[in-house]
Amino acid sequence: MIIPMAKVRLLGARARLPDVLASLQDLGVLHLDDTATTESLQPLALTARQRRLHRQLVRMLDDIDTALATFGSISRRSVTAGSADPLPPLARLARRARLAAERIASRSAGLAEEKALILKYRDFFAAFASALAGVAHYPHLTTYAVVVPARERGVIQRLGDALRAEIGPEFAFSTHDLASGDVALLLVLPKSFAEKMERALADARLPEIPMPAAYGGSTLASAVPRMLTRLKEIPREAEQLVRERSALA
């Protein structure tokens, strides 16, 4: 049986050709054939101005997509630009919006990381706040903060014995049971014994609690009160960033 056929010519962007061919093959209703290029069907070369306009549009759309992605579910007014609006000002607006949105997102992420780190050791800091405040009045003393895993509690006694053998009675330490089951350990001793303390901690495989970068160079005694105060400030700063993001959207 002869089936009537009709000639179909498809025109489209060359970059979409693989997707189009795959779809046509899935449909199975067209017989594909090569079409020779004729004088009436030639690729249209863009002018220098059109290429520049194309680059501007691509950059602008990328800026807009990136900015909008940071706004999440925030409600936005629908603004329609008039056909006479010049492109350069709109492109600059898109770039400013993107940079501002990225700054807000970066600051929000930084606050979240800072809060998480302080919360991680809040119980430790709160347990030894009074002891650290006392140490702050004696500049010749230094402190070491350690968290001993619950399964390794026995190392505390061995560490104490090693320190007494190395330093004598010139040190003190306090312990506090954390909710996780781990043990917080605060060691206080003269700065002149710092090297021996660090060696004893290394031998016991007990690393110090790392100080956040924002408090680098500070002693634990001076940093802890600042960190606990900072924990109260972070929510207000985070709320301000939410308002800034909403205003930008």
Protein backbone atom coordinates (compact mmCIF):
# COMPACT_ATOMS: atom_id res chain seq x y z
CA MET A 1 0.00 0.00 0.00
CA ILE A 2 1.29 3.41 -0.91
CA ILE A 3 1.09 5.84 1.98
CA PRO A 4 0.71 9.52 1.05
CA MET A 5 3.65 11.59 2.27
CA ALA A 6 4.22 15.31 2.67
CA LYS A 7 7.51 17.15 2.57
CA VAL A 8 8.35 18.91 5.85
CA ARG A 9 11.20 21.33 6.36
CA LEU A 10 12.30 22.08 9.92
CA LEU A 11 14.24 25.23 10.71
CA GLY A 12 15.84 25.97 14.06
CA ALA A 13 18.93 26.76 16.05
CA ARG A 14 21.86 24.53 15.12
CA ALA A 15 22.75 24.08 18.79
CA ARG A 16 19.40 22.32 19.37
CA LEU A 17 19.83 19.92 16.44
CA PRO A 18 20.80 16.81 18.49
CA ASP A 19 17.74 17.25 20.75
CA VAL A 20 15.45 17.75 17.76
CA LEU A 21 16.77 14.66 15.97
CA ALA A 22 16.37 12.54 19.08
CA SER A 23 12.77 13.69 19.49
CA LEU A 24 11.95 13.00 15.82
CA GLN A 25 13.45 9.52 16.03
CA ASP A 26 11.34 8.81 19.13
CA LEU A 27 8.19 9.96 17.31
CA GLY A 28 8.96 7.82 14.26
CA VAL A 29 6.63 9.74 11.94
CA LEU A 30 9.21 11.47 9.73
CA HIS A 31 11.74 10.10 7.29
CA LEU A 32 14.87 12.24 7.70
CA ASP A 33 16.79 13.34 4.65
CA ASP A 34 19.69 15.73 4.11
CA THR A 35 18.85 19.10 2.61
CA ALA A 36 21.43 20.75 0.46
CA THR A 37 22.16 24.34 1.28
CA THR A 38 20.73 26.68 -1.33
CA GLU A 39 21.19 30.35 -2.00
CA SER A 40 17.87 30.98 -0.28
CA LEU A 41 18.93 29.18 2.92
CA GLN A 42 22.25 30.49 4.22
CA PRO A 43 23.54 30.96 7.76
CA LEU A 44 23.08 34.59 8.77
CA ALA A 45 26.30 36.12 10.11
CA LEU A 46 25.85 38.54 12.99
CA THR A 47 27.27 42.00 12.76
CA ALA A 48 29.81 43.22 15.34
CA ARG A 49 27.06 45.21 17.06
CA GLN A 50 24.76 42.16 17.18
CA ARG A 51 27.53 39.99 18.65
CA ARG A 52 28.15 42.62 21.32
CA LEU A 53 24.42 42.80 22.06
CA HIS A 54 24.26 39.01 22.30
CA ARG A 55 27.10 38.94 24.84
CA GLN A 56 25.40 41.66 26.88
CA LEU A 57 22.12 39.78 26.91
CA VAL A 58 23.75 36.50 27.95
CA ARG A 59 25.65 38.20 30.77
CA MET A 60 22.57 40.07 31.90
CA LEU A 61 20.42 36.93 32.00
CA ASP A 62 23.13 35.09 33.93
CA ASP A 63 23.31 37.96 36.43
CA ILE A 64 19.53 37.96 36.84
CA ASP A 65 19.30 34.18 37.27
CA THR A 66 22.09 34.20 39.87
CA ALA A 67 20.53 37.06 41.82
CA LEU A 68 17.03 35.54 41.78
CA ALA A 69 18.40 32.18 42.91
CA THR A 70 19.52 33.76 46.20
CA PHE A 71 16.08 35.19 46.94
CA GLY A 72 14.43 31.82 47.46
CA SER A 73 10.69 32.12 48.11
CA ILE A 74 10.67 35.87 48.76
CA SER A 75 7.73 37.54 46.99
CA ARG A 76 8.74 39.82 44.14
CA ARG A 77 6.81 42.49 42.25
CA SER A 78 6.47 41.88 38.54
CA VAL A 79 8.21 44.70 36.69
CA THR A 80 7.96 44.93 32.92
CA ALA A 81 10.56 47.03 31.13
CA GLY A 82 9.31 49.17 28.27
CA SER A 83 10.51 48.34 24.79
CA ALA A 84 12.32 51.68 24.66
CA ASP A 85 14.41 51.02 27.76
CA PRO A 86 18.09 51.07 26.76
CA LEU A 87 19.98 47.87 27.38
CA PRO A 88 23.15 49.19 29.10
CA PRO A 89 21.35 50.60 32.18
CA LEU A 90 19.39 47.36 32.56
CA ALA A 91 22.58 45.33 32.25
CA ARG A 92 24.24 47.47 34.94
CA LEU A 93 21.21 47.05 37.18
CA ALA A 94 21.36 43.27 36.74
CA ARG A 95 25.08 43.22 37.58
CA ARG A 96 24.61 45.39 40.69
CA ALA A 97 21.75 43.17 41.84
CA ARG A 98 23.85 40.04 41.35
CA LEU A 99 26.85 41.41 43.26
CA ALA A 100 24.66 42.65 46.10
CA ALA A 101 22.81 39.32 46.30
CA GLU A 102 26.08 37.39 46.38
CA ARG A 103 27.44 39.63 49.16
CA ILE A 104 24.32 39.05 51.24
CA ALA A 105 24.48 35.29 50.63
CA SER A 106 28.17 35.21 51.60
CA ARG A 107 27.57 37.16 54.80
CA SER A 108 24.62 34.92 55.70
CA ALA A 109 26.73 31.80 55.20
CA GLY A 110 29.51 33.29 57.31
CA LEU A 111 27.11 34.03 60.18
CA ALA A 112 25.70 30.50 60.03
CA GLU A 113 29.18 28.97 60.19
CA GLU A 114 30.20 31.23 63.07
CA LYS A 115 27.07 30.37 65.02
CA ALA A 116 27.51 26.63 64.43
CA LEU A 117 31.11 26.72 65.70
CA ILE A 118 30.25 28.67 68.85
CA LEU A 119 27.24 26.43 69.55
CA LYS A 120 29.45 23.38 69.16
CA TYR A 121 31.48 24.43 72.19
CA ARG A 122 28.92 26.54 74.06
CA ASP A 123 28.49 23.98 76.86
CA PHE A 124 32.25 23.85 77.25
CA PHE A 125 32.59 27.61 77.38
CA ALA A 126 29.67 28.03 79.78
CA ALA A 127 31.05 25.38 82.14
CA PHE A 128 34.40 27.12 82.51
CA ALA A 129 33.39 30.77 82.08
CA SER A 130 34.05 31.68 85.74
CA ALA A 131 37.38 29.81 85.82
CA LEU A 132 38.53 31.51 82.61
CA ALA A 133 37.49 34.91 83.96
CA GLY A 134 39.73 34.31 86.96
CA VAL A 135 42.70 33.27 84.83
CA ALA A 136 42.39 36.48 82.82
CA HIS A 137 43.70 38.41 85.84
CA TYR A 138 47.00 36.49 85.84
CA PRO A 139 48.97 37.23 82.65
CA HIS A 140 51.67 34.67 83.51
CA LEU A 141 49.12 31.83 83.21
CA THR A 142 47.86 30.14 80.06
CA THR A 143 44.99 27.77 79.37
CA TYR A 144 44.35 24.76 77.16
CA ALA A 145 40.89 23.54 76.21
CA VAL A 146 40.36 19.90 75.23
CA VAL A 147 37.33 17.67 74.64
CA VAL A 148 37.98 14.05 75.55
CA PRO A 149 35.76 11.54 73.69
CA ALA A 150 33.50 9.52 75.99
CA ARG A 151 35.17 6.25 75.01
CA GLU A 152 38.60 7.62 76.04
CA ARG A 153 37.86 8.93 79.54
CA GLY A 154 40.75 6.90 80.93
CA VAL A 155 43.24 9.16 79.17
CA ILE A 156 42.44 11.99 81.61
CA GLN A 157 44.10 10.20 84.52
CA ARG A 158 47.11 9.28 82.38
CA LEU A 159 47.42 12.88 81.20
CA GLY A 160 47.35 14.11 84.80
CA ASP A 161 50.08 11.65 85.80
CA ALA A 162 52.23 12.67 82.82
CA LEU A 163 51.86 16.36 83.63
CA ARG A 164 52.74 15.88 87.29
CA ALA A 165 55.86 14.00 86.23
CA GLU A 166 56.85 16.74 83.75
CA ILE A 167 55.67 19.90 85.51
CA GLY A 168 55.08 18.99 89.13
CA PRO A 169 52.24 20.69 91.01
CA GLU A 170 52.38 23.85 88.85
CA PHE A 171 49.18 23.10 86.95
CA ALA A 172 45.50 22.53 87.52
CA PHE A 173 42.72 21.06 85.44
CA SER A 174 38.96 20.93 85.66
CA THR A 175 36.56 18.54 83.99
CA HIS A 176 32.93 18.86 82.97
CA ASP A 177 30.65 16.17 81.54
CA LEU A 178 29.02 17.31 78.31
CA ALA A 179 25.55 16.30 77.16
CA SER A 180 27.14 14.24 74.37
CA GLY A 181 28.91 12.04 76.91
CA ASP A 182 32.29 13.55 76.12
CA VAL A 183 34.35 15.25 78.82
CA ALA A 184 35.43 18.89 78.64
CA LEU A 185 38.87 19.45 80.09
CA LEU A 186 40.38 22.84 81.01
CA LEU A 187 44.08 22.94 81.90
CA VAL A 188 45.73 25.96 83.56
CA LEU A 189 49.47 26.37 84.01
CA PRO A 190 52.30 28.93 83.80
CA LYS A 191 53.21 29.97 80.25
CA SER A 192 56.76 28.76 80.86
CA PHE A 193 55.47 25.18 80.80
CA ALA A 194 53.49 25.59 77.57
CA GLU A 195 55.89 23.51 75.49
CA LYS A 196 55.73 20.59 77.91
CA MET A 197 51.93 20.83 77.99
CA GLU A 198 51.69 20.71 74.21
CA ARG A 199 53.99 17.69 74.13
CA ALA A 200 51.88 15.90 76.76
CA LEU A 201 48.68 16.62 74.80
CA ALA A 202 50.28 15.36 71.60
CA ASP A 203 51.39 12.15 73.34
CA ALA A 204 47.85 11.65 74.64
CA ARG A 205 46.47 12.41 71.14
CA LEU A 206 44.23 15.15 72.49
CA PRO A 207 44.13 18.14 70.14
CA GLU A 208 43.16 21.52 71.48
CA ILE A 209 39.78 22.99 70.63
CA PRO A 210 40.47 25.21 67.59
CA MET A 211 39.88 28.92 68.06
CA PRO A 212 37.66 30.50 65.39
CA ALA A 213 39.58 32.64 62.92
CA ALA A 214 37.83 35.79 64.16
CA TYR A 215 39.44 35.28 67.58
CA GLY A 216 42.89 34.35 66.34
CA GLY A 217 45.64 35.59 68.62
CA SER A 218 43.28 35.86 71.60
CA THR A 219 43.69 33.81 74.73
CA LEU A 220 40.90 31.42 75.61
CA ALA A 221 40.20 33.46 78.74
CA SER A 222 39.56 36.62 76.71
CA ALA A 223 37.88 34.93 73.75
CA VAL A 224 35.18 32.96 75.58
CA PRO A 225 33.24 35.97 76.93
CA ARG A 226 33.40 37.58 73.48
CA MET A 227 32.15 34.38 71.83
CA LEU A 228 29.18 34.07 74.19
CA THR A 229 28.31 37.72 73.59
CA ARG A 230 28.70 37.17 69.85
CA LEU A 231 26.20 34.31 70.01
CA LYS A 232 23.54 36.82 71.11
CA GLU A 233 24.43 39.26 68.33
CA ILE A 234 24.34 36.84 65.40
CA PRO A 235 20.50 36.44 65.22
CA ARG A 236 20.04 40.23 64.96
CA GLU A 237 22.61 40.44 62.15
CA ALA A 238 20.97 37.50 60.35
CA GLU A 239 17.56 39.22 60.55
CA GLN A 240 19.08 42.40 59.11
CA LEU A 241 20.43 40.41 56.15
CA VAL A 242 16.96 38.95 55.56
CA ARG A 243 15.58 42.50 55.39
CA GLU A 244 18.34 43.56 53.01
CA ARG A 245 17.67 40.58 50.77
CA SER A 246 13.93 41.31 50.75
CA ALA A 247 14.56 44.96 49.86
CA LEU A 248 16.92 43.96 47.06
CA ALA A 249 14.39 41.45 45.69
